[in-house]
Amino acid sequence: MTKYISELFEEFEKLKSRKAKLEFLQQHKNMDLFKAVLQGAFDPNIKWKIAVPDYTPDDAPIGLNPSNLFQEIPKCTIFAEGHHKGEGVSNGRLEQILIQVLESMCKQESLIYEGMLKKKLKVKGLTEKIVLEVFPDLYRNVEPEESKTKAWR
């Protein structure tokens, strides 16, 4: 059974040693969506163009919600500065879409998404330094002139 990304972060928080945390990240290194959340949160080249509005996450237990991070992370590029998916979409419409996304997930998943957009994942022991030890290629190399046209891999 596949674990939800929020469940992975909950497991990570329970780990006591740095070595265990590094091993945990190493075990999940090939999980593209997990890496995408880390990239969205830590990569300084990715700029989010929307503030997180007030919302009420779905109150159903995890797994019984209309959506989850596995479904929503691939679509998050609409909120990234310079990405073609968000071109021509008004800020008001972006806010409506973001509210729909956040309210379709359980609280744990919504908080991860929100943390990614705010560039502040609230996961105990998860630092940029430890993430970059396991994912040294996490940051995109963007040339200055490209940064306006490319906002995500």
N, C-alpha and C. Protein backbone atom coordinates (compact mmCIF):
# COMPACT_ATOMS: atom_id res chain seq x y z
N MET A 1 0.84 -1.18 0.00
CA MET A 1 0.00 0.00 0.00
C MET A 1 0.89 1.25 0.00
N THR A 2 0.57 2.19 -0.86
CA THR A 2 1.31 3.43 -0.95
C THR A 2 0.91 4.35 0.20
N LYS A 3 1.91 4.93 0.83
CA LYS A 3 1.64 5.87 1.91
C LYS A 3 1.47 7.27 1.33
N TYR A 4 0.62 8.04 1.97
CA TYR A 4 0.43 9.42 1.59
C TYR A 4 1.69 10.21 1.96
N ILE A 5 1.93 11.29 1.23
CA ILE A 5 3.12 12.09 1.48
C ILE A 5 3.11 12.65 2.90
N SER A 6 1.94 13.05 3.38
CA SER A 6 1.87 13.56 4.76
C SER A 6 2.23 12.47 5.76
N GLU A 7 1.90 11.23 5.46
CA GLU A 7 2.26 10.11 6.35
C GLU A 7 3.78 9.90 6.34
N LEU A 8 4.40 10.09 5.20
CA LEU A 8 5.86 9.97 5.13
C LEU A 8 6.52 11.04 6.01
N PHE A 9 6.00 12.26 5.95
CA PHE A 9 6.57 13.32 6.78
C PHE A 9 6.32 13.04 8.26
N GLU A 10 5.19 12.46 8.60
CA GLU A 10 4.93 12.10 10.00
C GLU A 10 5.93 11.05 10.47
N GLU A 11 6.24 10.07 9.62
CA GLU A 11 7.25 9.06 9.95
C GLU A 11 8.62 9.72 10.13
N PHE A 12 8.95 10.64 9.24
CA PHE A 12 10.23 11.33 9.30
C PHE A 12 10.39 12.06 10.64
N GLU A 13 9.32 12.72 11.09
CA GLU A 13 9.38 13.48 12.34
C GLU A 13 9.66 12.59 13.54
N LYS A 14 9.29 11.33 13.49
CA LYS A 14 9.48 10.41 14.61
C LYS A 14 10.92 9.90 14.71
N LEU A 15 11.69 10.06 13.65
CA LEU A 15 13.07 9.58 13.65
C LEU A 15 13.93 10.45 14.56
N LYS A 16 14.79 9.81 15.32
CA LYS A 16 15.57 10.52 16.33
C LYS A 16 16.93 11.00 15.82
N SER A 17 17.62 10.17 15.07
CA SER A 17 18.99 10.51 14.69
C SER A 17 19.08 11.09 13.28
N ARG A 18 20.12 11.85 13.08
CA ARG A 18 20.39 12.40 11.75
C ARG A 18 20.60 11.27 10.74
N LYS A 19 21.30 10.25 11.16
CA LYS A 19 21.57 9.11 10.28
C LYS A 19 20.26 8.46 9.84
N ALA A 20 19.33 8.29 10.75
CA ALA A 20 18.03 7.67 10.42
C ALA A 20 17.25 8.56 9.45
N LYS A 21 17.34 9.86 9.66
CA LYS A 21 16.64 10.80 8.77
C LYS A 21 17.23 10.76 7.36
N LEU A 22 18.55 10.71 7.28
CA LEU A 22 19.20 10.61 5.98
C LEU A 22 18.83 9.30 5.28
N GLU A 23 18.82 8.21 6.03
CA GLU A 23 18.44 6.91 5.46
C GLU A 23 16.99 6.93 4.98
N PHE A 24 16.12 7.55 5.73
CA PHE A 24 14.71 7.65 5.35
C PHE A 24 14.57 8.41 4.03
N LEU A 25 15.22 9.55 3.94
CA LEU A 25 15.16 10.33 2.70
C LEU A 25 15.76 9.54 1.53
N GLN A 26 16.83 8.83 1.81
CA GLN A 26 17.46 8.01 0.77
C GLN A 26 16.50 6.93 0.27
N GLN A 27 15.74 6.32 1.17
CA GLN A 27 14.77 5.29 0.79
C GLN A 27 13.69 5.84 -0.12
N HIS A 28 13.38 7.11 0.01
CA HIS A 28 12.30 7.72 -0.77
C HIS A 28 12.82 8.64 -1.88
N LYS A 29 14.10 8.52 -2.16
CA LYS A 29 14.76 9.39 -3.14
C LYS A 29 14.14 9.29 -4.54
N ASN A 30 13.67 8.12 -4.90
CA ASN A 30 13.13 7.91 -6.24
C ASN A 30 11.63 8.17 -6.35
N MET A 31 11.03 8.67 -5.30
CA MET A 31 9.61 8.99 -5.30
C MET A 31 9.44 10.41 -5.83
N ASP A 32 9.08 10.53 -7.10
CA ASP A 32 9.06 11.82 -7.78
C ASP A 32 8.21 12.88 -7.09
N LEU A 33 7.03 12.51 -6.61
CA LEU A 33 6.15 13.51 -5.99
C LEU A 33 6.68 13.98 -4.64
N PHE A 34 7.32 13.09 -3.92
CA PHE A 34 7.95 13.45 -2.65
C PHE A 34 9.06 14.46 -2.93
N LYS A 35 9.86 14.17 -3.94
CA LYS A 35 10.95 15.07 -4.34
C LYS A 35 10.39 16.41 -4.83
N ALA A 36 9.26 16.38 -5.54
CA ALA A 36 8.66 17.61 -6.05
C ALA A 36 8.22 18.52 -4.91
N VAL A 37 7.69 17.94 -3.84
CA VAL A 37 7.30 18.75 -2.67
C VAL A 37 8.54 19.40 -2.07
N LEU A 38 9.60 18.62 -1.92
CA LEU A 38 10.85 19.17 -1.37
C LEU A 38 11.41 20.26 -2.28
N GLN A 39 11.36 20.03 -3.56
CA GLN A 39 11.86 21.02 -4.52
C GLN A 39 11.02 22.30 -4.44
N GLY A 40 9.71 22.16 -4.41
CA GLY A 40 8.84 23.32 -4.31
C GLY A 40 9.06 24.12 -3.04
N ALA A 41 9.43 23.43 -1.98
CA ALA A 41 9.63 24.09 -0.69
C ALA A 41 11.01 24.71 -0.55
N PHE A 42 12.04 24.07 -1.10
CA PHE A 42 13.40 24.51 -0.83
C PHE A 42 14.11 25.19 -2.00
N ASP A 43 13.74 24.91 -3.23
CA ASP A 43 14.45 25.46 -4.38
C ASP A 43 14.19 26.97 -4.49
N PRO A 44 15.22 27.80 -4.32
CA PRO A 44 15.01 29.25 -4.39
C PRO A 44 14.66 29.73 -5.80
N ASN A 45 14.88 28.91 -6.81
CA ASN A 45 14.54 29.28 -8.18
C ASN A 45 13.04 29.19 -8.45
N ILE A 46 12.32 28.47 -7.61
CA ILE A 46 10.88 28.34 -7.77
C ILE A 46 10.22 29.39 -6.88
N LYS A 47 9.50 30.26 -7.52
CA LYS A 47 8.79 31.33 -6.82
C LYS A 47 7.29 31.09 -7.01
N TRP A 48 6.57 31.12 -5.92
CA TRP A 48 5.12 30.93 -5.96
C TRP A 48 4.48 32.30 -6.05
N LYS A 49 3.52 32.45 -6.95
CA LYS A 49 2.95 33.78 -7.19
C LYS A 49 1.64 34.03 -6.46
N ILE A 50 1.32 33.21 -5.48
CA ILE A 50 0.05 33.40 -4.79
C ILE A 50 0.24 33.17 -3.29
N ALA A 51 -0.41 34.00 -2.51
CA ALA A 51 -0.42 33.81 -1.06
C ALA A 51 -1.50 32.79 -0.73
N VAL A 52 -1.32 32.08 0.35
CA VAL A 52 -2.30 31.07 0.74
C VAL A 52 -3.49 31.76 1.40
N PRO A 53 -4.68 31.63 0.80
CA PRO A 53 -5.88 32.26 1.37
C PRO A 53 -6.45 31.42 2.52
N ASP A 54 -7.41 31.97 3.21
CA ASP A 54 -8.12 31.19 4.23
C ASP A 54 -8.89 30.07 3.55
N TYR A 55 -8.89 28.91 4.18
CA TYR A 55 -9.62 27.76 3.63
C TYR A 55 -9.95 26.80 4.76
N THR A 56 -10.83 25.86 4.48
CA THR A 56 -11.21 24.83 5.44
C THR A 56 -10.94 23.48 4.80
N PRO A 57 -9.91 22.75 5.27
CA PRO A 57 -9.62 21.46 4.66
C PRO A 57 -10.76 20.47 4.86
N ASP A 58 -10.82 19.50 3.98
CA ASP A 58 -11.83 18.46 4.08
C ASP A 58 -11.66 17.74 5.42
N ASP A 59 -12.76 17.49 6.13
CA ASP A 59 -12.65 16.88 7.46
C ASP A 59 -12.77 15.36 7.47
N ALA A 60 -12.84 14.75 6.30
CA ALA A 60 -12.87 13.28 6.24
C ALA A 60 -11.48 12.74 6.59
N PRO A 61 -11.43 11.53 7.11
CA PRO A 61 -10.12 10.93 7.43
C PRO A 61 -9.27 10.79 6.16
N ILE A 62 -7.97 10.79 6.37
CA ILE A 62 -7.05 10.65 5.24
C ILE A 62 -7.40 9.41 4.42
N GLY A 63 -7.43 9.59 3.14
CA GLY A 63 -7.78 8.48 2.24
C GLY A 63 -9.23 8.52 1.79
N LEU A 64 -10.06 9.27 2.47
CA LEU A 64 -11.47 9.36 2.11
C LEU A 64 -11.82 10.75 1.56
N ASN A 65 -10.81 11.49 1.19
CA ASN A 65 -10.98 12.85 0.68
C ASN A 65 -11.08 12.83 -0.84
N PRO A 66 -11.67 13.88 -1.40
CA PRO A 66 -11.77 13.95 -2.86
C PRO A 66 -10.41 13.97 -3.56
N SER A 67 -9.38 14.47 -2.86
CA SER A 67 -8.07 14.57 -3.50
C SER A 67 -6.96 14.37 -2.47
N ASN A 68 -5.72 14.36 -2.96
CA ASN A 68 -4.54 14.21 -2.11
C ASN A 68 -3.34 14.79 -2.85
N LEU A 69 -2.19 14.79 -2.21
CA LEU A 69 -1.01 15.38 -2.82
C LEU A 69 -0.57 14.65 -4.09
N PHE A 70 -0.83 13.35 -4.17
CA PHE A 70 -0.46 12.62 -5.39
C PHE A 70 -1.20 13.18 -6.60
N GLN A 71 -2.41 13.63 -6.40
CA GLN A 71 -3.19 14.20 -7.50
C GLN A 71 -2.89 15.68 -7.72
N GLU A 72 -2.59 16.40 -6.67
CA GLU A 72 -2.48 17.86 -6.76
C GLU A 72 -1.08 18.39 -7.06
N ILE A 73 -0.05 17.72 -6.61
CA ILE A 73 1.32 18.23 -6.84
C ILE A 73 1.64 18.35 -8.33
N PRO A 74 1.27 17.39 -9.18
CA PRO A 74 1.58 17.55 -10.60
C PRO A 74 0.93 18.79 -11.23
N LYS A 75 -0.12 19.30 -10.62
CA LYS A 75 -0.83 20.45 -11.18
C LYS A 75 -0.41 21.78 -10.52
N CYS A 76 0.49 21.74 -9.56
CA CYS A 76 0.82 22.94 -8.80
C CYS A 76 1.60 23.97 -9.61
N THR A 77 2.10 23.60 -10.77
CA THR A 77 2.87 24.55 -11.57
C THR A 77 2.04 25.75 -12.01
N ILE A 78 0.74 25.64 -11.96
CA ILE A 78 -0.12 26.79 -12.30
C ILE A 78 0.15 27.96 -11.36
N PHE A 79 0.65 27.67 -10.15
CA PHE A 79 0.91 28.71 -9.16
C PHE A 79 2.36 29.21 -9.19
N ALA A 80 3.20 28.64 -10.07
CA ALA A 80 4.61 29.02 -10.13
C ALA A 80 4.82 30.20 -11.08
N GLU A 81 5.60 31.16 -10.63
CA GLU A 81 5.91 32.32 -11.46
C GLU A 81 6.60 31.86 -12.73
N GLY A 82 6.15 32.40 -13.85
CA GLY A 82 6.80 32.13 -15.12
C GLY A 82 6.43 30.84 -15.80
N HIS A 83 5.63 30.00 -15.18
CA HIS A 83 5.25 28.74 -15.83
C HIS A 83 4.08 28.98 -16.78
N HIS A 84 4.15 28.36 -17.94
CA HIS A 84 3.14 28.60 -18.97
C HIS A 84 1.72 28.20 -18.55
N LYS A 85 1.59 27.27 -17.62
CA LYS A 85 0.24 26.84 -17.21
C LYS A 85 -0.53 27.96 -16.50
N GLY A 86 0.19 28.88 -15.89
CA GLY A 86 -0.47 29.96 -15.17
C GLY A 86 -0.63 31.24 -15.98
N GLU A 87 -0.11 31.24 -17.20
CA GLU A 87 -0.21 32.44 -18.03
C GLU A 87 -1.67 32.75 -18.34
N GLY A 88 -2.04 33.99 -18.20
CA GLY A 88 -3.38 34.42 -18.54
C GLY A 88 -4.43 34.10 -17.49
N VAL A 89 -4.02 33.49 -16.39
CA VAL A 89 -4.98 33.17 -15.33
C VAL A 89 -4.92 34.31 -14.31
N SER A 90 -6.06 34.93 -14.06
CA SER A 90 -6.08 36.07 -13.14
C SER A 90 -5.77 35.62 -11.71
N ASN A 91 -5.31 36.56 -10.91
CA ASN A 91 -5.01 36.25 -9.51
C ASN A 91 -6.25 35.78 -8.77
N GLY A 92 -7.39 36.37 -9.08
CA GLY A 92 -8.64 35.94 -8.45
C GLY A 92 -8.97 34.49 -8.77
N ARG A 93 -8.77 34.13 -10.01
CA ARG A 93 -9.04 32.73 -10.41
C ARG A 93 -8.03 31.79 -9.79
N LEU A 94 -6.76 32.21 -9.71
CA LEU A 94 -5.74 31.38 -9.06
C LEU A 94 -6.10 31.13 -7.61
N GLU A 95 -6.60 32.17 -6.94
CA GLU A 95 -6.99 32.01 -5.54
C GLU A 95 -8.16 31.02 -5.42
N GLN A 96 -9.13 31.12 -6.32
CA GLN A 96 -10.26 30.17 -6.31
C GLN A 96 -9.76 28.74 -6.50
N ILE A 97 -8.85 28.55 -7.44
CA ILE A 97 -8.32 27.21 -7.71
C ILE A 97 -7.58 26.69 -6.48
N LEU A 98 -6.76 27.55 -5.87
CA LEU A 98 -5.99 27.13 -4.70
C LEU A 98 -6.92 26.74 -3.55
N ILE A 99 -7.96 27.51 -3.33
CA ILE A 99 -8.92 27.16 -2.27
C ILE A 99 -9.56 25.80 -2.56
N GLN A 100 -9.94 25.57 -3.81
CA GLN A 100 -10.52 24.27 -4.18
C GLN A 100 -9.55 23.13 -3.93
N VAL A 101 -8.28 23.34 -4.28
CA VAL A 101 -7.26 22.32 -4.08
C VAL A 101 -7.10 22.02 -2.59
N LEU A 102 -6.91 23.07 -1.79
CA LEU A 102 -6.66 22.89 -0.36
C LEU A 102 -7.88 22.30 0.36
N GLU A 103 -9.07 22.68 -0.06
CA GLU A 103 -10.27 22.17 0.60
C GLU A 103 -10.65 20.76 0.14
N SER A 104 -9.99 20.26 -0.88
CA SER A 104 -10.29 18.91 -1.37
C SER A 104 -9.45 17.84 -0.67
N MET A 105 -8.46 18.28 0.11
CA MET A 105 -7.56 17.34 0.78
C MET A 105 -7.78 17.36 2.28
N CYS A 106 -7.31 16.30 2.95
CA CYS A 106 -7.38 16.28 4.41
C CYS A 106 -6.43 17.33 4.97
N LYS A 107 -6.57 17.64 6.24
CA LYS A 107 -5.78 18.70 6.87
C LYS A 107 -4.28 18.46 6.73
N GLN A 108 -3.83 17.21 6.95
CA GLN A 108 -2.40 16.91 6.90
C GLN A 108 -1.82 17.19 5.51
N GLU A 109 -2.53 16.77 4.47
CA GLU A 109 -2.06 16.96 3.11
C GLU A 109 -2.12 18.45 2.74
N SER A 110 -3.19 19.14 3.15
CA SER A 110 -3.32 20.57 2.86
C SER A 110 -2.20 21.37 3.51
N LEU A 111 -1.81 20.99 4.73
CA LEU A 111 -0.73 21.71 5.42
C LEU A 111 0.61 21.53 4.71
N ILE A 112 0.84 20.36 4.14
CA ILE A 112 2.07 20.13 3.37
C ILE A 112 2.06 21.03 2.13
N TYR A 113 0.95 21.05 1.41
CA TYR A 113 0.83 21.89 0.21
C TYR A 113 1.03 23.36 0.57
N GLU A 114 0.37 23.78 1.63
CA GLU A 114 0.49 25.16 2.09
C GLU A 114 1.93 25.48 2.47
N GLY A 115 2.58 24.57 3.18
CA GLY A 115 3.98 24.77 3.57
C GLY A 115 4.90 24.88 2.37
N MET A 116 4.62 24.08 1.34
CA MET A 116 5.42 24.15 0.12
C MET A 116 5.28 25.53 -0.52
N LEU A 117 4.04 26.03 -0.61
CA LEU A 117 3.82 27.34 -1.23
C LEU A 117 4.43 28.48 -0.41
N LYS A 118 4.47 28.31 0.90
CA LYS A 118 5.05 29.33 1.78
C LYS A 118 6.56 29.16 1.93
N LYS A 119 7.10 28.07 1.35
CA LYS A 119 8.52 27.74 1.46
C LYS A 119 8.91 27.47 2.91
N LYS A 120 7.96 26.93 3.69
CA LYS A 120 8.20 26.62 5.09
C LYS A 120 7.46 25.35 5.46
N LEU A 121 8.03 24.21 5.11
CA LEU A 121 7.42 22.95 5.52
C LEU A 121 7.61 22.81 7.03
N LYS A 122 6.54 22.60 7.73
CA LYS A 122 6.63 22.45 9.18
C LYS A 122 6.77 20.97 9.51
N VAL A 123 7.96 20.45 9.22
CA VAL A 123 8.29 19.06 9.47
C VAL A 123 9.53 19.06 10.36
N LYS A 124 9.37 18.57 11.58
CA LYS A 124 10.44 18.58 12.56
C LYS A 124 11.66 17.82 12.02
N GLY A 125 12.79 18.50 12.04
CA GLY A 125 14.04 17.86 11.63
C GLY A 125 14.33 17.92 10.14
N LEU A 126 13.39 18.44 9.36
CA LEU A 126 13.59 18.53 7.91
C LEU A 126 14.15 19.91 7.58
N THR A 127 15.43 19.92 7.26
CA THR A 127 16.10 21.18 6.93
C THR A 127 16.62 21.13 5.50
N GLU A 128 16.89 22.29 4.99
CA GLU A 128 17.44 22.38 3.64
C GLU A 128 18.76 21.60 3.56
N LYS A 129 19.57 21.72 4.59
CA LYS A 129 20.88 21.06 4.62
C LYS A 129 20.74 19.54 4.51
N ILE A 130 19.85 18.95 5.29
CA ILE A 130 19.69 17.50 5.26
C ILE A 130 19.07 17.04 3.94
N VAL A 131 18.16 17.83 3.40
CA VAL A 131 17.54 17.50 2.12
C VAL A 131 18.58 17.51 1.01
N LEU A 132 19.44 18.52 1.00
CA LEU A 132 20.44 18.63 -0.06
C LEU A 132 21.54 17.57 0.04
N GLU A 133 21.73 16.99 1.22
CA GLU A 133 22.68 15.88 1.34
C GLU A 133 22.20 14.68 0.54
N VAL A 134 20.90 14.45 0.54
CA VAL A 134 20.34 13.30 -0.17
C VAL A 134 19.96 13.66 -1.60
N PHE A 135 19.53 14.89 -1.81
CA PHE A 135 19.11 15.36 -3.13
C PHE A 135 20.02 16.52 -3.58
N PRO A 136 21.28 16.25 -3.89
CA PRO A 136 22.18 17.35 -4.24
C PRO A 136 21.79 18.06 -5.54
N ASP A 137 21.00 17.40 -6.36
CA ASP A 137 20.57 18.00 -7.63
C ASP A 137 19.16 18.59 -7.55
N LEU A 138 18.69 18.85 -6.34
CA LEU A 138 17.32 19.32 -6.14
C LEU A 138 17.06 20.67 -6.80
N TYR A 139 18.03 21.56 -6.71
CA TYR A 139 17.83 22.90 -7.27
C TYR A 139 18.01 22.86 -8.77
N ARG A 140 17.12 23.56 -9.44
CA ARG A 140 17.21 23.66 -10.89
C ARG A 140 18.27 24.69 -11.23
N ASN A 141 19.00 24.45 -12.29
CA ASN A 141 19.95 25.44 -12.79
C ASN A 141 19.24 26.27 -13.83
N VAL A 142 18.93 27.50 -13.49
CA VAL A 142 18.18 28.36 -14.38
C VAL A 142 19.05 29.57 -14.71
N GLU A 143 19.26 29.79 -15.99
CA GLU A 143 19.98 30.97 -16.43
C GLU A 143 19.10 32.19 -16.18
N PRO A 144 19.67 33.34 -15.90
CA PRO A 144 18.85 34.53 -15.59
C PRO A 144 17.77 34.82 -16.62
N GLU A 145 18.08 34.73 -17.91
CA GLU A 145 17.06 35.02 -18.92
C GLU A 145 16.02 33.90 -19.01
N GLU A 146 16.39 32.69 -18.60
CA GLU A 146 15.45 31.58 -18.63
C GLU A 146 14.50 31.61 -17.44
N SER A 147 14.91 32.24 -16.35
CA SER A 147 14.12 32.20 -15.13
C SER A 147 12.72 32.78 -15.31
N LYS A 148 12.54 33.61 -16.33
CA LYS A 148 11.23 34.19 -16.55
C LYS A 148 10.33 33.25 -17.36
N THR A 149 10.92 32.27 -18.03
CA THR A 149 10.12 31.38 -18.85
C THR A 149 10.05 29.96 -18.29
N LYS A 150 10.97 29.61 -17.42
CA LYS A 150 10.97 28.27 -16.86
C LYS A 150 10.80 28.36 -15.34
N ALA A 151 9.79 27.70 -14.83
CA ALA A 151 9.59 27.77 -13.39
C ALA A 151 9.53 26.39 -12.75
N TRP A 152 9.69 25.36 -13.51
CA TRP A 152 9.62 24.00 -12.98
C TRP A 152 10.19 23.07 -14.02
N ARG A 153 10.75 21.98 -13.57
CA ARG A 153 11.25 20.98 -14.53
C ARG A 153 10.14 20.35 -15.28
